[in-house]
Amino acid sequence: MKQSIGVFLLLATIATFTVPVTAQLLWRNAKTAEKGSFIIMGQWYFSSYSKSYDWSAAEWKNLPNSQKMADWGVETMFGYAITDRWEAMIHLPLLFLSSEMPDVISGTTIKKSASGKGDLYLKTRYALLPWSNKKHGLVLICAFRFPTGDESADIPLGDGGSDLGLGAIFTTKWFNDLHRGHLKLSYWINGENGEEVKIGNQFKLIAKYDYNLSPSFMPVISYIFFTQAETQSNGIKLDRTRKIRHTLTPGVTWKPKSGLFVRPKVTLFLAGEGGNRYSFKPMVDVWYVFKI
C-alpha cells in the first residue's frame, strides 16, 4: 500500500506541471475499474505538420519550410471508480506549440510559439452492459470541457468556449479472449466562444482490434475517422472549412505488472481534406489502476 501511495503522490506532483492535448473521450475499452480503484494516466505525443490542403486543386500540397508547424504535449488524467460500473475523471493538459509563417511584406519568417495549460475537462463513464466476465460490454461517456486554455496566446491553447462531449464504447471478445474488437463513437458539441467565427462540432469513430498474444503483451491496430463540422460565422456556414481525416494507428499494450499498462503507438495519415496535416504522429500513454 505504501508503494501505491508513493506512486500516486509522484504522478500527482508530475501532473501539477504537465497537463490535455485533445479532449479524448474514447480511451480504454468498455471495461470499468473495480469499485474503489484509482485510475491515473499520462500521455505524450508529437506531431509535425508538413502538408496543407489546397481546396482549388482538391489535393494535399507540401508546405514550404518557412510554413511548417510542430506541436507536442502531455495529458494527464485522474479518475476514481465510484462503483463497479461508474467512473469519474478529470483531464488536465499541457501544450507546447510552435509555428513559422512568412511575412510577405518584409520577406522574413515570423516564428510563433506558445505553451501552457489547455482546456481542462471532467468526464464520467458508466457501464450500461458490464464487460467483466462477459463476451460483450457497453460503456456510455459524458464530458464537459472548460475554457481554461489561453485563447489569446500567440498560438491559441483553447477555443474560449465550454463544450459538451458524448460517447460510447462497445467491446467484444472471441476465442477465449484471444481476439478483442472495439467500436467507439464520440461527438463534441462546441459552445459559443464570443468570437465571430466558431469552431464546429466534432465527430469521431474508432474501430479497434486487439490480439491477446500473452498476459503481458497485446498488439493493437485502430482505424480512426474524424470530421469537424464547418466553421460558422453568425450562424452562416463557411465554405472550405470542413476537416475530414482517415488514419491508422498500430501499437502495442504492454503490462509489466498488475494494473500497469504502457501503450506506445503511432498514428499514420491515410486520407482526408481540409487544414494542415502530419505524415505520422508518435505517442505513448501509461496507465496505472490500483487500490489504496
Protein backbone atom coordinates (compact mmCIF):
# COMPACT_ATOMS: atom_id res chain seq x y z
CA MET A 1 0.00 0.00 0.00
CA LYS A 2 2.87 2.38 0.81
CA GLN A 3 4.29 1.78 -2.66
CA SER A 4 0.92 2.61 -4.29
CA ILE A 5 0.62 5.81 -2.23
CA GLY A 6 4.16 6.79 -3.25
CA VAL A 7 3.41 6.26 -6.95
CA PHE A 8 0.17 8.24 -6.62
CA LEU A 9 1.94 11.20 -4.98
CA LEU A 10 4.73 11.12 -7.57
CA LEU A 11 2.29 11.18 -10.51
CA ALA A 12 0.20 13.86 -8.81
CA THR A 13 3.31 16.04 -8.49
CA ILE A 14 4.18 15.49 -12.14
CA ALA A 15 0.61 16.38 -13.13
CA THR A 16 0.94 19.75 -11.45
CA PHE A 17 3.41 20.67 -14.18
CA THR A 18 2.05 18.56 -17.01
CA VAL A 19 -1.44 18.79 -18.12
CA PRO A 20 -4.99 17.68 -22.48
CA VAL A 21 -3.68 17.70 -25.84
CA THR A 22 -7.10 16.86 -27.17
CA ALA A 23 -10.38 16.23 -25.44
CA GLN A 24 -10.25 12.47 -25.76
CA LEU A 25 -13.38 10.56 -24.77
CA LEU A 26 -12.53 7.18 -26.22
CA TRP A 27 -9.51 5.87 -24.33
CA ARG A 28 -9.64 2.31 -22.98
CA ASN A 29 -12.28 -0.30 -23.66
CA ALA A 30 -15.74 -0.97 -22.25
CA LYS A 31 -14.38 -2.48 -19.03
CA THR A 32 -14.74 -0.27 -15.94
CA ALA A 33 -12.42 -0.45 -12.93
CA GLU A 34 -13.36 -2.23 -9.71
CA LYS A 35 -15.12 -0.10 -7.09
CA GLY A 36 -12.66 1.95 -5.03
CA SER A 37 -9.90 1.86 -7.68
CA PHE A 38 -7.80 4.89 -8.58
CA ILE A 39 -7.02 5.43 -12.27
CA ILE A 40 -4.02 7.51 -13.35
CA MET A 41 -2.90 8.18 -16.93
CA GLY A 42 -0.16 10.19 -18.60
CA GLN A 43 0.26 10.60 -22.38
CA TRP A 44 2.98 12.20 -24.53
CA TYR A 45 2.56 12.97 -28.24
CA PHE A 46 4.37 14.82 -31.04
CA SER A 47 3.25 15.96 -34.50
CA SER A 48 4.95 17.93 -37.26
CA TYR A 49 2.66 19.42 -39.92
CA SER A 50 4.17 19.29 -43.41
CA LYS A 51 1.21 19.46 -45.83
CA SER A 52 -1.74 21.78 -46.43
CA TYR A 53 -4.96 21.04 -48.30
CA ASP A 54 -5.45 23.05 -51.50
CA TRP A 55 -9.21 23.37 -51.98
CA SER A 56 -8.83 24.76 -55.52
CA ALA A 57 -6.87 21.73 -56.70
CA ALA A 58 -8.57 19.36 -54.22
CA GLU A 59 -5.23 17.87 -53.19
CA TRP A 60 -2.55 17.99 -50.48
CA LYS A 61 0.50 20.12 -51.16
CA ASN A 62 3.79 20.30 -49.30
CA LEU A 63 4.21 23.28 -47.03
CA PRO A 64 7.39 25.28 -47.68
CA ASN A 65 9.98 25.01 -44.91
CA SER A 66 9.08 28.52 -43.74
CA GLN A 67 5.49 27.43 -43.01
CA LYS A 68 5.94 24.05 -41.36
CA MET A 69 4.48 23.70 -37.87
CA ALA A 70 5.11 21.34 -34.98
CA ASP A 71 3.48 20.72 -31.64
CA TRP A 72 3.82 18.29 -28.78
CA GLY A 73 2.09 17.90 -25.49
CA VAL A 74 1.40 15.87 -22.39
CA GLU A 75 -2.00 14.99 -20.99
CA THR A 76 -2.70 13.61 -17.55
CA MET A 77 -5.88 12.12 -16.19
CA PHE A 78 -7.01 11.17 -12.70
CA GLY A 79 -10.03 9.00 -12.06
CA TYR A 80 -11.85 7.04 -9.40
CA ALA A 81 -14.25 4.09 -9.69
CA ILE A 82 -17.28 5.12 -7.63
CA THR A 83 -18.91 1.73 -8.24
CA ASP A 84 -18.00 -1.30 -10.36
CA ARG A 85 -19.91 0.37 -13.21
CA TRP A 86 -19.30 4.08 -12.70
CA GLU A 87 -16.05 6.10 -13.05
CA ALA A 88 -15.40 9.84 -12.65
CA MET A 89 -12.29 11.52 -14.12
CA ILE A 90 -10.54 14.85 -14.59
CA HIS A 91 -8.27 15.56 -17.58
CA LEU A 92 -5.50 18.16 -17.33
CA PRO A 93 -3.34 19.29 -20.32
CA LEU A 94 -0.02 20.96 -21.03
CA LEU A 95 0.72 22.11 -24.59
CA PHE A 96 3.90 23.17 -26.40
CA LEU A 97 3.17 24.70 -29.83
CA SER A 98 5.40 26.31 -32.45
CA SER A 99 4.91 27.62 -35.99
CA GLU A 100 6.76 29.52 -38.71
CA MET A 101 4.95 31.70 -41.24
CA PRO A 102 6.34 34.00 -43.97
CA ASP A 103 5.79 37.77 -43.79
CA VAL A 104 5.06 38.81 -47.40
CA ILE A 105 5.78 42.46 -46.60
CA SER A 106 9.23 42.10 -45.03
CA GLY A 107 10.17 38.88 -46.76
CA THR A 108 11.18 37.36 -43.40
CA THR A 109 9.80 34.44 -41.44
CA ILE A 110 7.69 35.07 -38.36
CA LYS A 111 8.16 32.45 -35.65
CA LYS A 112 5.48 31.91 -33.03
CA SER A 113 5.30 29.64 -30.02
CA ALA A 114 3.04 29.06 -27.04
CA SER A 115 3.00 26.73 -24.07
CA GLY A 116 0.84 26.26 -21.02
CA LYS A 117 -2.30 24.53 -19.83
CA GLY A 118 -5.04 23.68 -22.28
CA ASP A 119 -8.76 23.25 -21.74
CA LEU A 120 -9.50 21.20 -18.60
CA TYR A 121 -12.41 18.79 -18.75
CA LEU A 122 -14.37 16.46 -16.49
CA LYS A 123 -15.51 13.05 -17.71
CA THR A 124 -17.69 10.23 -16.43
CA ARG A 125 -18.12 6.66 -17.72
CA TYR A 126 -20.99 4.29 -16.92
CA ALA A 127 -21.13 0.61 -17.92
CA LEU A 128 -24.60 0.06 -19.31
CA LEU A 129 -23.51 -3.50 -20.09
CA PRO A 130 -20.67 -4.61 -17.74
CA TRP A 131 -17.86 -6.42 -19.53
CA SER A 132 -16.00 -8.01 -16.58
CA ASN A 133 -16.74 -11.69 -17.21
CA LYS A 134 -18.86 -11.49 -20.33
CA LYS A 135 -18.21 -11.51 -24.07
CA HIS A 136 -19.68 -8.06 -24.68
CA GLY A 137 -19.61 -4.72 -22.88
CA LEU A 138 -21.05 -1.24 -23.46
CA VAL A 139 -19.93 1.99 -21.76
CA LEU A 140 -21.60 5.40 -22.12
CA ILE A 141 -19.48 8.54 -21.68
CA CYS A 142 -20.23 12.18 -20.94
CA ALA A 143 -17.75 15.05 -20.55
CA PHE A 144 -17.74 18.81 -20.07
CA ARG A 145 -14.78 20.91 -21.20
CA PHE A 146 -13.95 24.25 -19.56
CA PRO A 147 -12.19 27.17 -21.39
CA THR A 148 -9.07 27.20 -19.19
CA GLY A 149 -6.61 27.41 -22.11
CA ASP A 150 -5.26 30.83 -23.10
CA GLU A 151 -7.05 31.68 -26.35
CA SER A 152 -5.11 34.96 -26.67
CA ALA A 153 -1.67 33.28 -26.78
CA ASP A 154 0.38 33.64 -29.99
CA ILE A 155 -0.93 30.20 -30.87
CA PRO A 156 -4.27 29.66 -29.03
CA LEU A 157 -4.20 26.99 -26.32
CA GLY A 158 -8.01 26.76 -26.23
CA ASP A 159 -11.07 27.89 -28.20
CA GLY A 160 -12.60 30.01 -25.43
CA GLY A 161 -15.85 28.08 -25.26
CA SER A 162 -17.39 25.50 -22.95
CA ASP A 163 -18.07 22.22 -24.76
CA LEU A 164 -20.14 19.09 -24.18
CA GLY A 165 -18.89 15.65 -25.21
CA LEU A 166 -20.91 12.43 -25.58
CA GLY A 167 -19.55 8.99 -26.41
CA ALA A 168 -19.96 5.22 -26.31
CA ILE A 169 -17.63 2.21 -26.42
CA PHE A 170 -18.70 -1.32 -27.35
CA THR A 171 -16.23 -4.15 -26.70
CA THR A 172 -16.48 -7.81 -27.65
CA LYS A 173 -14.11 -10.80 -27.42
CA TRP A 174 -13.82 -14.18 -29.13
CA PHE A 175 -11.95 -17.49 -28.80
CA ASN A 176 -11.25 -17.39 -25.05
CA ASP A 177 -10.32 -13.70 -25.12
CA LEU A 178 -7.62 -14.21 -27.78
CA HIS A 179 -9.24 -11.64 -30.07
CA ARG A 180 -10.93 -8.42 -29.00
CA GLY A 181 -12.86 -5.88 -31.04
CA HIS A 182 -13.95 -2.35 -30.12
CA LEU A 183 -16.30 0.15 -31.74
CA LYS A 184 -16.04 3.67 -30.30
CA LEU A 185 -18.05 6.81 -31.11
CA SER A 186 -17.80 10.36 -29.78
CA TYR A 187 -19.39 13.72 -30.56
CA TRP A 188 -18.25 17.09 -29.20
CA ILE A 189 -20.75 19.96 -29.20
CA ASN A 190 -18.68 23.14 -29.25
CA GLY A 191 -20.24 26.04 -27.34
CA GLU A 192 -20.19 29.73 -28.15
CA ASN A 193 -16.87 31.44 -27.54
CA GLY A 194 -17.83 35.08 -28.07
CA GLU A 195 -15.99 35.24 -31.40
CA GLU A 196 -17.41 35.90 -34.85
CA VAL A 197 -16.03 32.57 -36.08
CA LYS A 198 -16.93 29.43 -34.10
CA ILE A 199 -15.22 26.06 -34.31
CA GLY A 200 -17.71 23.46 -35.49
CA ASN A 201 -18.80 20.27 -33.75
CA GLN A 202 -16.58 17.19 -33.95
CA PHE A 203 -17.39 13.53 -34.65
CA LYS A 204 -15.01 10.60 -34.23
CA LEU A 205 -15.33 6.87 -34.96
CA ILE A 206 -12.75 4.27 -33.94
CA ALA A 207 -12.71 0.60 -34.98
CA LYS A 208 -10.02 -1.23 -32.99
CA TYR A 209 -8.67 -4.78 -32.95
CA ASP A 210 -6.55 -6.33 -30.15
CA TYR A 211 -4.66 -9.64 -30.34
CA ASN A 212 -4.17 -11.02 -26.83
CA LEU A 213 -0.79 -12.60 -27.54
CA SER A 214 0.13 -13.14 -23.87
CA PRO A 215 -0.99 -11.90 -20.43
CA SER A 216 1.55 -9.07 -20.66
CA PHE A 217 1.71 -8.22 -24.39
CA MET A 218 -1.04 -7.28 -26.85
CA PRO A 219 -0.54 -5.91 -30.41
CA VAL A 220 -3.34 -3.49 -31.41
CA ILE A 221 -4.43 -1.60 -34.50
CA SER A 222 -7.10 1.09 -34.88
CA TYR A 223 -8.83 2.74 -37.81
CA ILE A 224 -9.96 6.28 -36.93
CA PHE A 225 -12.39 8.52 -38.80
CA PHE A 226 -12.67 12.13 -37.71
CA THR A 227 -14.66 15.05 -39.06
CA GLN A 228 -15.19 18.59 -37.84
CA ALA A 229 -18.31 20.39 -38.94
CA GLU A 230 -17.96 23.54 -40.98
CA THR A 231 -16.92 26.63 -39.09
CA GLN A 232 -19.83 29.01 -38.56
CA SER A 233 -19.88 32.79 -38.53
CA ASN A 234 -23.07 34.44 -37.26
CA GLY A 235 -24.90 31.21 -38.00
CA ILE A 236 -23.68 31.10 -41.61
CA LYS A 237 -21.65 28.08 -42.71
CA LEU A 238 -18.29 28.97 -44.23
CA ASP A 239 -17.04 27.22 -47.35
CA ARG A 240 -13.84 25.17 -47.39
CA THR A 241 -13.57 24.80 -43.62
CA ARG A 242 -14.61 21.17 -43.09
CA LYS A 243 -11.88 18.78 -41.95
CA ILE A 244 -12.02 15.03 -42.64
CA ARG A 245 -9.38 12.53 -41.54
CA HIS A 246 -8.90 8.80 -42.08
CA THR A 247 -5.98 7.44 -40.04
CA LEU A 248 -4.48 4.11 -38.97
CA THR A 249 -2.86 3.60 -35.56
CA PRO A 250 -0.79 0.45 -34.92
CA GLY A 251 0.69 -0.09 -31.47
CA VAL A 252 1.12 -2.45 -28.54
CA THR A 253 -0.16 -2.73 -24.98
CA TRP A 254 2.48 -3.93 -22.53
CA LYS A 255 1.51 -4.94 -18.99
CA PRO A 256 4.74 -5.16 -16.90
CA LYS A 257 2.79 -5.68 -13.65
CA SER A 258 -0.77 -5.92 -12.41
CA GLY A 259 -2.66 -2.67 -13.01
CA LEU A 260 0.15 -1.02 -15.02
CA PHE A 261 -0.23 -0.57 -18.80
CA VAL A 262 2.25 1.02 -21.25
CA ARG A 263 0.91 1.73 -24.76
CA PRO A 264 3.31 3.08 -27.44
CA LYS A 265 1.70 3.71 -30.85
CA VAL A 266 1.93 5.84 -33.98
CA THR A 267 -0.89 7.42 -35.99
CA LEU A 268 -0.47 7.30 -39.79
CA PHE A 269 -2.43 9.53 -42.16
CA LEU A 270 -4.46 7.66 -44.83
CA ALA A 271 -6.72 10.25 -46.47
CA GLY A 272 -8.75 13.37 -45.79
CA GLU A 273 -9.24 17.01 -46.68
CA GLY A 274 -9.07 20.47 -45.14
CA GLY A 275 -6.47 22.21 -42.97
CA ASN A 276 -2.90 21.08 -42.34
CA ARG A 277 -1.77 17.54 -41.63
CA TYR A 278 1.14 15.46 -40.39
CA SER A 279 2.58 12.34 -42.02
CA PHE A 280 2.76 10.42 -38.74
CA LYS A 281 2.24 11.12 -35.06
CA PRO A 282 4.10 9.09 -32.38
CA MET A 283 2.66 8.89 -28.88
CA VAL A 284 2.80 6.82 -25.72
CA ASP A 285 0.45 6.63 -22.77
CA VAL A 286 0.90 4.97 -19.38
CA TRP A 287 -1.98 3.80 -17.17
CA TYR A 288 -1.97 2.69 -13.56
CA VAL A 289 -5.09 1.28 -11.90
CA PHE A 290 -4.79 0.45 -8.19
CA LYS A 291 -6.45 0.44 -4.81
CA ILE A 292 -5.10 2.02 -1.62
